[in-house]
Amino acid sequence: AQLLRDAIEALNKENMDPVLGVVLDLRNNPGGV
């Protein structure tokens, strides 16, 4: 979750536009904690 928050914050800085949509890819993710 912290890695995801950091990634979103980095994309927000790079993007310069409001977020219009997000694709969350969980394919072949076996799970975890």
Full PDB file with SEQRES, HELIX, SHEET, SSBOND, CRYST1, ORIGX, SCALE, CONECT and MASTER records, all heavy atoms in Angstrom:
SEQRES   1 A   33  ALA GLN LEU LEU ARG ASP ALA ILE GLU ALA LEU ASN LYS          
SEQRES   2 A   33  GLU ASN MET ASP PRO VAL LEU GLY VAL VAL LEU ASP LEU          
SEQRES   3 A   33  ARG ASN ASN PRO GLY GLY VAL                                  
HELIX    1 AA1 GLN A    2  ASN A   15  1                                  14    
CRYST1    1.000    1.000    1.000  90.00  90.00  90.00 P 1           1          
ORIGX1      1.000000  0.000000  0.000000        0.00000                         
ORIGX2      0.000000  1.000000  0.000000        0.00000                         
ORIGX3      0.000000  0.000000  1.000000        0.00000                         
SCALE1      1.000000  0.000000  0.000000        0.00000                         
SCALE2      0.000000  1.000000  0.000000        0.00000                         
SCALE3      0.000000  0.000000  1.000000        0.00000                         
ATOM      1  N   ALA A   1       0.830  -1.211   0.000  1.00  0.00           N  
ATOM      2  CA  ALA A   1       0.000   0.000   0.000  1.00  0.00           C  
ATOM      3  C   ALA A   1       0.861   1.256   0.000  1.00  0.00           C  
ATOM      4  O   ALA A   1       0.560   2.220  -0.714  1.00  0.00           O  
ATOM      5  CB  ALA A   1      -0.948  -0.001   1.197  1.00  0.00           C  
ATOM      6  N   GLN A   2       1.950   1.263   0.766  1.00  0.00           N  
ATOM      7  CA  GLN A   2       2.826   2.441   0.782  1.00  0.00           C  
ATOM      8  C   GLN A   2       3.507   2.618  -0.571  1.00  0.00           C  
ATOM      9  O   GLN A   2       3.632   3.746  -1.062  1.00  0.00           O  
ATOM     10  CB  GLN A   2       3.869   2.338   1.900  1.00  0.00           C  
ATOM     11  CG  GLN A   2       4.689   3.610   2.067  1.00  0.00           C  
ATOM     12  CD  GLN A   2       3.831   4.841   2.307  1.00  0.00           C  
ATOM     13  OE1 GLN A   2       2.995   4.860   3.204  1.00  0.00           O  
ATOM     14  NE2 GLN A   2       4.015   5.886   1.505  1.00  0.00           N  
ATOM     15  N   LEU A   3       3.921   1.525  -1.191  1.00  0.00           N  
ATOM     16  CA  LEU A   3       4.509   1.615  -2.540  1.00  0.00           C  
ATOM     17  C   LEU A   3       3.497   2.167  -3.532  1.00  0.00           C  
ATOM     18  O   LEU A   3       3.844   2.973  -4.402  1.00  0.00           O  
ATOM     19  CB  LEU A   3       5.008   0.243  -2.998  1.00  0.00           C  
ATOM     20  CG  LEU A   3       6.209  -0.338  -2.267  1.00  0.00           C  
ATOM     21  CD1 LEU A   3       6.475  -1.766  -2.727  1.00  0.00           C  
ATOM     22  CD2 LEU A   3       7.437   0.529  -2.479  1.00  0.00           C  
ATOM     23  N   LEU A   4       2.227   1.764  -3.403  1.00  0.00           N  
ATOM     24  CA  LEU A   4       1.185   2.258  -4.291  1.00  0.00           C  
ATOM     25  C   LEU A   4       0.934   3.748  -4.056  1.00  0.00           C  
ATOM     26  O   LEU A   4       0.810   4.517  -5.009  1.00  0.00           O  
ATOM     27  CB  LEU A   4      -0.103   1.450  -4.101  1.00  0.00           C  
ATOM     28  CG  LEU A   4      -1.255   1.790  -5.046  1.00  0.00           C  
ATOM     29  CD1 LEU A   4      -0.867   1.538  -6.496  1.00  0.00           C  
ATOM     30  CD2 LEU A   4      -2.486   0.963  -4.682  1.00  0.00           C  
ATOM     31  N   ARG A   5       0.869   4.165  -2.789  1.00  0.00           N  
ATOM     32  CA  ARG A   5       0.707   5.599  -2.484  1.00  0.00           C  
ATOM     33  C   ARG A   5       1.853   6.411  -3.097  1.00  0.00           C  
ATOM     34  O   ARG A   5       1.631   7.452  -3.711  1.00  0.00           O  
ATOM     35  CB  ARG A   5       0.681   5.831  -0.970  1.00  0.00           C  
ATOM     36  CG  ARG A   5      -0.629   5.534  -0.321  1.00  0.00           C  
ATOM     37  CD  ARG A   5      -0.624   5.958   1.158  1.00  0.00           C  
ATOM     38  NE  ARG A   5      -1.583   5.177   1.878  1.00  0.00           N  
ATOM     39  CZ  ARG A   5      -1.327   4.044   2.524  1.00  0.00           C  
ATOM     40  NH1 ARG A   5      -0.108   3.567   2.569  1.00  0.00           N  
ATOM     41  NH2 ARG A   5      -2.285   3.389   3.121  1.00  0.00           N  
ATOM     42  N   ASP A   6       3.083   5.934  -2.911  1.00  0.00           N  
ATOM     43  CA  ASP A   6       4.254   6.623  -3.465  1.00  0.00           C  
ATOM     44  C   ASP A   6       4.172   6.710  -4.986  1.00  0.00           C  
ATOM     45  O   ASP A   6       4.492   7.749  -5.583  1.00  0.00           O  
ATOM     46  CB  ASP A   6       5.550   5.907  -3.063  1.00  0.00           C  
ATOM     47  CG  ASP A   6       5.823   5.948  -1.563  1.00  0.00           C  
ATOM     48  OD1 ASP A   6       5.182   6.763  -0.843  1.00  0.00           O  
ATOM     49  OD2 ASP A   6       6.670   5.163  -1.105  1.00  0.00           O  
ATOM     50  N   ALA A   7       3.730   5.629  -5.626  1.00  0.00           N  
ATOM     51  CA  ALA A   7       3.613   5.612  -7.090  1.00  0.00           C  
ATOM     52  C   ALA A   7       2.569   6.614  -7.567  1.00  0.00           C  
ATOM     53  O   ALA A   7       2.794   7.341  -8.545  1.00  0.00           O  
ATOM     54  CB  ALA A   7       3.268   4.199  -7.571  1.00  0.00           C  
ATOM     55  N   ILE A   8       1.422   6.674  -6.883  1.00  0.00           N  
ATOM     56  CA  ILE A   8       0.371   7.621  -7.268  1.00  0.00           C  
ATOM     57  C   ILE A   8       0.854   9.055  -7.084  1.00  0.00           C  
ATOM     58  O   ILE A   8       0.637   9.907  -7.951  1.00  0.00           O  
ATOM     59  CB  ILE A   8      -0.928   7.355  -6.482  1.00  0.00           C  
ATOM     60  CG1 ILE A   8      -1.538   6.015  -6.914  1.00  0.00           C  
ATOM     61  CG2 ILE A   8      -1.937   8.482  -6.688  1.00  0.00           C  
ATOM     62  CD1 ILE A   8      -2.687   5.536  -6.037  1.00  0.00           C  
ATOM     63  N   GLU A   9       1.544   9.324  -5.974  1.00  0.00           N  
ATOM     64  CA  GLU A   9       2.082  10.676  -5.744  1.00  0.00           C  
ATOM     65  C   GLU A   9       3.094  11.059  -6.821  1.00  0.00           C  
ATOM     66  O   GLU A   9       3.095  12.186  -7.315  1.00  0.00           O  
ATOM     67  CB  GLU A   9       2.710  10.765  -4.353  1.00  0.00           C  
ATOM     68  CG  GLU A   9       1.682  10.793  -3.237  1.00  0.00           C  
ATOM     69  CD  GLU A   9       2.288  10.717  -1.844  1.00  0.00           C  
ATOM     70  OE1 GLU A   9       3.534  10.703  -1.719  1.00  0.00           O  
ATOM     71  OE2 GLU A   9       1.498  10.661  -0.884  1.00  0.00           O  
ATOM     72  N   ALA A  10       3.953  10.107  -7.219  1.00  0.00           N  
ATOM     73  CA  ALA A  10       4.937  10.386  -8.273  1.00  0.00           C  
ATOM     74  C   ALA A  10       4.240  10.659  -9.607  1.00  0.00           C  
ATOM     75  O   ALA A  10       4.625  11.583 -10.336  1.00  0.00           O  
ATOM     76  CB  ALA A  10       5.904   9.205  -8.403  1.00  0.00           C  
ATOM     77  N   LEU A  11       3.190   9.885  -9.918  1.00  0.00           N  
ATOM     78  CA  LEU A  11       2.453  10.116 -11.157  1.00  0.00           C  
ATOM     79  C   LEU A  11       1.733  11.458 -11.113  1.00  0.00           C  
ATOM     80  O   LEU A  11       1.662  12.161 -12.135  1.00  0.00           O  
ATOM     81  CB  LEU A  11       1.451   8.984 -11.405  1.00  0.00           C  
ATOM     82  CG  LEU A  11       2.038   7.618 -11.747  1.00  0.00           C  
ATOM     83  CD1 LEU A  11       0.928   6.587 -11.904  1.00  0.00           C  
ATOM     84  CD2 LEU A  11       2.912   7.662 -12.981  1.00  0.00           C  
ATOM     85  N   ASN A  12       1.201  11.836  -9.953  1.00  0.00           N  
ATOM     86  CA  ASN A  12       0.535  13.136  -9.820  1.00  0.00           C  
ATOM     87  C   ASN A  12       1.493  14.277 -10.130  1.00  0.00           C  
ATOM     88  O   ASN A  12       1.124  15.248 -10.789  1.00  0.00           O  
ATOM     89  CB  ASN A  12      -0.041  13.321  -8.413  1.00  0.00           C  
ATOM     90  CG  ASN A  12      -1.287  12.495  -8.182  1.00  0.00           C  
ATOM     91  OD1 ASN A  12      -1.938  12.043  -9.119  1.00  0.00           O  
ATOM     92  ND2 ASN A  12      -1.623  12.281  -6.924  1.00  0.00           N  
ATOM     93  N   LYS A  13       2.741  14.167  -9.661  1.00  0.00           N  
ATOM     94  CA  LYS A  13       3.746  15.212  -9.923  1.00  0.00           C  
ATOM     95  C   LYS A  13       4.114  15.261 -11.403  1.00  0.00           C  
ATOM     96  O   LYS A  13       4.305  16.326 -11.970  1.00  0.00           O  
ATOM     97  CB  LYS A  13       4.997  14.954  -9.083  1.00  0.00           C  
ATOM     98  CG  LYS A  13       4.804  15.267  -7.620  1.00  0.00           C  
ATOM     99  CD  LYS A  13       6.058  14.982  -6.826  1.00  0.00           C  
ATOM    100  CE  LYS A  13       5.779  15.177  -5.344  1.00  0.00           C  
ATOM    101  NZ  LYS A  13       6.881  14.694  -4.517  1.00  0.00           N  
ATOM    102  N   GLU A  14       4.204  14.103 -12.016  1.00  0.00           N  
ATOM    103  CA  GLU A  14       4.579  14.007 -13.425  1.00  0.00           C  
ATOM    104  C   GLU A  14       3.429  14.415 -14.347  1.00  0.00           C  
ATOM    105  O   GLU A  14       3.645  15.003 -15.399  1.00  0.00           O  
ATOM    106  CB  GLU A  14       4.996  12.559 -13.716  1.00  0.00           C  
ATOM    107  CG  GLU A  14       5.461  12.295 -15.114  1.00  0.00           C  
ATOM    108  CD  GLU A  14       5.754  10.816 -15.350  1.00  0.00           C  
ATOM    109  OE1 GLU A  14       5.988  10.067 -14.387  1.00  0.00           O  
ATOM    110  OE2 GLU A  14       5.734  10.423 -16.523  1.00  0.00           O  
ATOM    111  N   ASN A  15       2.207  14.130 -13.953  1.00  0.00           N  
ATOM    112  CA  ASN A  15       1.032  14.272 -14.807  1.00  0.00           C  
ATOM    113  C   ASN A  15       0.663  15.719 -15.123  1.00  0.00           C  
ATOM    114  O   ASN A  15       0.355  16.059 -16.245  1.00  0.00           O  
ATOM    115  CB  ASN A  15      -0.151  13.552 -14.146  1.00  0.00           C  
ATOM    116  CG  ASN A  15      -1.396  13.560 -14.992  1.00  0.00           C  
ATOM    117  OD1 ASN A  15      -1.343  13.404 -16.206  1.00  0.00           O  
ATOM    118  ND2 ASN A  15      -2.517  13.752 -14.348  1.00  0.00           N  
ATOM    119  N   MET A  16       0.634  16.582 -14.127  1.00  0.00           N  
ATOM    120  CA  MET A  16       0.271  18.004 -14.264  1.00  0.00           C  
ATOM    121  C   MET A  16      -1.190  18.239 -14.640  1.00  0.00           C  
ATOM    122  O   MET A  16      -1.609  19.351 -14.833  1.00  0.00           O  
ATOM    123  CB  MET A  16       1.166  18.718 -15.292  1.00  0.00           C  
ATOM    124  CG  MET A  16       2.628  18.677 -14.979  1.00  0.00           C  
ATOM    125  SD  MET A  16       2.957  19.498 -13.429  1.00  0.00           S  
ATOM    126  CE  MET A  16       4.655  19.852 -13.574  1.00  0.00           C  
ATOM    127  N   ASP A  17      -1.973  17.201 -14.826  1.00  0.00           N  
ATOM    128  CA  ASP A  17      -3.397  17.307 -15.133  1.00  0.00           C  
ATOM    129  C   ASP A  17      -4.166  16.624 -14.015  1.00  0.00           C  
ATOM    130  O   ASP A  17      -3.623  15.775 -13.318  1.00  0.00           O  
ATOM    131  CB  ASP A  17      -3.729  16.605 -16.464  1.00  0.00           C  
ATOM    132  CG  ASP A  17      -3.162  17.332 -17.662  1.00  0.00           C  
ATOM    133  OD1 ASP A  17      -3.381  18.550 -17.755  1.00  0.00           O  
ATOM    134  OD2 ASP A  17      -2.504  16.685 -18.499  1.00  0.00           O  
ATOM    135  N   PRO A  18      -5.456  16.933 -13.858  1.00  0.00           N  
ATOM    136  CA  PRO A  18      -6.236  16.167 -12.874  1.00  0.00           C  
ATOM    137  C   PRO A  18      -6.344  14.709 -13.320  1.00  0.00           C  
ATOM    138  O   PRO A  18      -6.311  14.410 -14.517  1.00  0.00           O  
ATOM    139  CB  PRO A  18      -7.605  16.851 -12.858  1.00  0.00           C  
ATOM    140  CG  PRO A  18      -7.653  17.711 -14.060  1.00  0.00           C  
ATOM    141  CD  PRO A  18      -6.248  17.965 -14.519  1.00  0.00           C  
ATOM    142  N   VAL A  19      -6.441  13.806 -12.353  1.00  0.00           N  
ATOM    143  CA  VAL A  19      -6.596  12.392 -12.681  1.00  0.00           C  
ATOM    144  C   VAL A  19      -7.977  12.187 -13.292  1.00  0.00           C  
ATOM    145  O   VAL A  19      -8.988  12.534 -12.707  1.00  0.00           O  
ATOM    146  CB  VAL A  19      -6.446  11.512 -11.417  1.00  0.00           C  
ATOM    147  CG1 VAL A  19      -6.562  10.050 -11.782  1.00  0.00           C  
ATOM    148  CG2 VAL A  19      -5.120  11.768 -10.734  1.00  0.00           C  
ATOM    149  N   LEU A  20      -8.022  11.625 -14.493  1.00  0.00           N  
ATOM    150  CA  LEU A  20      -9.273  11.389 -15.207  1.00  0.00           C  
ATOM    151  C   LEU A  20      -9.727   9.939 -15.124  1.00  0.00           C  
ATOM    152  O   LEU A  20     -10.896   9.636 -15.303  1.00  0.00           O  
ATOM    153  CB  LEU A  20      -9.124  11.808 -16.670  1.00  0.00           C  
ATOM    154  CG  LEU A  20      -8.742  13.273 -16.906  1.00  0.00           C  
ATOM    155  CD1 LEU A  20      -8.466  13.519 -18.381  1.00  0.00           C  
ATOM    156  CD2 LEU A  20      -9.829  14.187 -16.392  1.00  0.00           C  
ATOM    157  N   GLY A  21      -8.806   9.025 -14.862  1.00  0.00           N  
ATOM    158  CA  GLY A  21      -9.151   7.616 -14.760  1.00  0.00           C  
ATOM    159  C   GLY A  21      -7.931   6.787 -14.417  1.00  0.00           C  
ATOM    160  O   GLY A  21      -6.801   7.175 -14.701  1.00  0.00           O  
ATOM    161  N   VAL A  22      -8.190   5.641 -13.781  1.00  0.00           N  
ATOM    162  CA  VAL A  22      -7.109   4.757 -13.362  1.00  0.00           C  
ATOM    163  C   VAL A  22      -7.468   3.317 -13.719  1.00  0.00           C  
ATOM    164  O   VAL A  22      -8.601   2.883 -13.533  1.00  0.00           O  
ATOM    165  CB  VAL A  22      -6.860   4.873 -11.835  1.00  0.00           C  
ATOM    166  CG1 VAL A  22      -5.861   3.832 -11.358  1.00  0.00           C  
ATOM    167  CG2 VAL A  22      -6.375   6.274 -11.473  1.00  0.00           C  
ATOM    168  N   VAL A  23      -6.468   2.598 -14.229  1.00  0.00           N  
ATOM    169  CA  VAL A  23      -6.585   1.162 -14.464  1.00  0.00           C  
ATOM    170  C   VAL A  23      -5.721   0.482 -13.405  1.00  0.00           C  
ATOM    171  O   VAL A  23      -4.524   0.760 -13.302  1.00  0.00           O  
ATOM    172  CB  VAL A  23      -6.091   0.765 -15.876  1.00  0.00           C  
ATOM    173  CG1 VAL A  23      -6.084  -0.742 -16.041  1.00  0.00           C  
ATOM    174  CG2 VAL A  23      -6.931   1.434 -16.942  1.00  0.00           C  
ATOM    175  N   LEU A  24      -6.350  -0.369 -12.599  1.00  0.00           N  
ATOM    176  CA  LEU A  24      -5.635  -1.152 -11.590  1.00  0.00           C  
ATOM    177  C   LEU A  24      -5.560  -2.585 -12.097  1.00  0.00           C  
ATOM    178  O   LEU A  24      -6.576  -3.258 -12.210  1.00  0.00           O  
ATOM    179  CB  LEU A  24      -6.361  -1.077 -10.243  1.00  0.00           C  
ATOM    180  CG  LEU A  24      -5.762  -1.895  -9.104  1.00  0.00           C  
ATOM    181  CD1 LEU A  24      -4.341  -1.426  -8.778  1.00  0.00           C  
ATOM    182  CD2 LEU A  24      -6.653  -1.802  -7.863  1.00  0.00           C  
ATOM    183  N   ASP A  25      -4.364  -3.038 -12.398  1.00  0.00           N  
ATOM    184  CA  ASP A  25      -4.154  -4.359 -12.989  1.00  0.00           C  
ATOM    185  C   ASP A  25      -3.778  -5.361 -11.902  1.00  0.00           C  
ATOM    186  O   ASP A  25      -2.711  -5.267 -11.301  1.00  0.00           O  
ATOM    187  CB  ASP A  25      -3.048  -4.271 -14.042  1.00  0.00           C  
ATOM    188  CG  ASP A  25      -2.916  -5.521 -14.892  1.00  0.00           C  
ATOM    189  OD1 ASP A  25      -3.496  -6.563 -14.525  1.00  0.00           O  
ATOM    190  OD2 ASP A  25      -2.212  -5.455 -15.921  1.00  0.00           O  
ATOM    191  N   LEU A  26      -4.673  -6.324 -11.656  1.00  0.00           N  
ATOM    192  CA  LEU A  26      -4.427  -7.379 -10.667  1.00  0.00           C  
ATOM    193  C   LEU A  26      -4.319  -8.755 -11.338  1.00  0.00           C  
ATOM    194  O   LEU A  26      -4.424  -9.781 -10.666  1.00  0.00           O  
ATOM    195  CB  LEU A  26      -5.552  -7.397  -9.623  1.00  0.00           C  
ATOM    196  CG  LEU A  26      -5.743  -6.125  -8.813  1.00  0.00           C  
ATOM    197  CD1 LEU A  26      -6.922  -6.264  -7.855  1.00  0.00           C  
ATOM    198  CD2 LEU A  26      -4.481  -5.766  -8.043  1.00  0.00           C  
ATOM    199  N   ARG A  27      -4.090  -8.773 -12.641  1.00  0.00           N  
ATOM    200  CA  ARG A  27      -3.986 -10.050 -13.347  1.00  0.00           C  
ATOM    201  C   ARG A  27      -2.777 -10.842 -12.845  1.00  0.00           C  
ATOM    202  O   ARG A  27      -1.716 -10.273 -12.596  1.00  0.00           O  
ATOM    203  CB  ARG A  27      -3.865  -9.834 -14.853  1.00  0.00           C  
ATOM    204  CG  ARG A  27      -5.154  -9.337 -15.483  1.00  0.00           C  
ATOM    205  CD  ARG A  27      -4.978  -9.032 -16.938  1.00  0.00           C  
ATOM    206  NE  ARG A  27      -4.059  -7.901 -17.093  1.00  0.00           N  
ATOM    207  CZ  ARG A  27      -3.675  -7.410 -18.263  1.00  0.00           C  
ATOM    208  NH1 ARG A  27      -4.121  -7.938 -19.385  1.00  0.00           N  
ATOM    209  NH2 ARG A  27      -2.856  -6.379 -18.319  1.00  0.00           N  
ATOM    210  N   ASN A  28      -2.984 -12.137 -12.694  1.00  0.00           N  
ATOM    211  CA  ASN A  28      -1.937 -13.062 -12.246  1.00  0.00           C  
ATOM    212  C   ASN A  28      -1.332 -12.673 -10.900  1.00  0.00           C  
ATOM    213  O   ASN A  28      -0.191 -13.015 -10.609  1.00  0.00           O  
ATOM    214  CB  ASN A  28      -0.843 -13.213 -13.308  1.00  0.00           C  
ATOM    215  CG  ASN A  28      -1.395 -13.803 -14.578  1.00  0.00           C  
ATOM    216  OD1 ASN A  28      -2.167 -14.755 -14.542  1.00  0.00           O  
ATOM    217  ND2 ASN A  28      -1.043 -13.224 -15.713  1.00  0.00           N  
ATOM    218  N   ASN A  29      -2.096 -11.966 -10.091  1.00  0.00           N  
ATOM    219  CA  ASN A  29      -1.659 -11.614  -8.739  1.00  0.00           C  
ATOM    220  C   ASN A  29      -2.193 -12.705  -7.809  1.00  0.00           C  
ATOM    221  O   ASN A  29      -3.394 -12.797  -7.596  1.00  0.00           O  
ATOM    222  CB  ASN A  29      -2.209 -10.244  -8.356  1.00  0.00           C  
ATOM    223  CG  ASN A  29      -1.797  -9.805  -6.963  1.00  0.00           C  
ATOM    224  OD1 ASN A  29      -1.731 -10.603  -6.042  1.00  0.00           O  
ATOM    225  ND2 ASN A  29      -1.550  -8.523  -6.815  1.00  0.00           N  
ATOM    226  N   PRO A  30      -1.309 -13.517  -7.226  1.00  0.00           N  
ATOM    227  CA  PRO A  30      -1.775 -14.639  -6.413  1.00  0.00           C  
ATOM    228  C   PRO A  30      -2.256 -14.252  -5.022  1.00  0.00           C  
ATOM    229  O   PRO A  30      -2.735 -15.089  -4.277  1.00  0.00           O  
ATOM    230  CB  PRO A  30      -0.534 -15.534  -6.321  1.00  0.00           C  
ATOM    231  CG  PRO A  30       0.606 -14.557  -6.386  1.00  0.00           C  
ATOM    232  CD  PRO A  30       0.137 -13.475  -7.338  1.00  0.00           C  
ATOM    233  N   GLY A  31      -2.126 -12.986  -4.655  1.00  0.00           N  
ATOM    234  CA  GLY A  31      -2.601 -12.543  -3.346  1.00  0.00           C  
ATOM    235  C   GLY A  31      -1.457 -12.151  -2.441  1.00  0.00           C  
ATOM    236  O   GLY A  31      -0.457 -11.601  -2.875  1.00  0.00           O  
ATOM    237  N   GLY A  32      -1.615 -12.461  -1.177  1.00  0.00           N  
ATOM    238  CA  GLY A  32      -0.610 -12.102  -0.179  1.00  0.00           C  
ATOM    239  C   GLY A  32      -1.280 -11.794   1.138  1.00  0.00           C  
ATOM    240  O   GLY A  32      -2.323 -12.362   1.457  1.00  0.00           O  
ATOM    241  N   VAL A  33      -0.709 -10.870   1.878  1.00  0.00           N  
ATOM    242  CA  VAL A  33      -1.195 -10.597   3.231  1.00  0.00           C  
ATOM    243  C   VAL A  33      -2.496  -9.790   3.209  1.00  0.00           C  
ATOM    244  O   VAL A  33      -2.693  -8.915   2.369  1.00  0.00           O  
ATOM    245  CB  VAL A  33      -0.126  -9.877   4.083  1.00  0.00           C  
ATOM    246  CG1 VAL A  33       1.095 -10.763   4.261  1.00  0.00           C  
ATOM    247  CG2 VAL A  33       0.293  -8.558   3.473  1.00  0.00           C  
TER     248      VAL A  33                                                      
MASTER        0    0    0    1    0    0    0    6  247    1    0    3          
END                                                                             
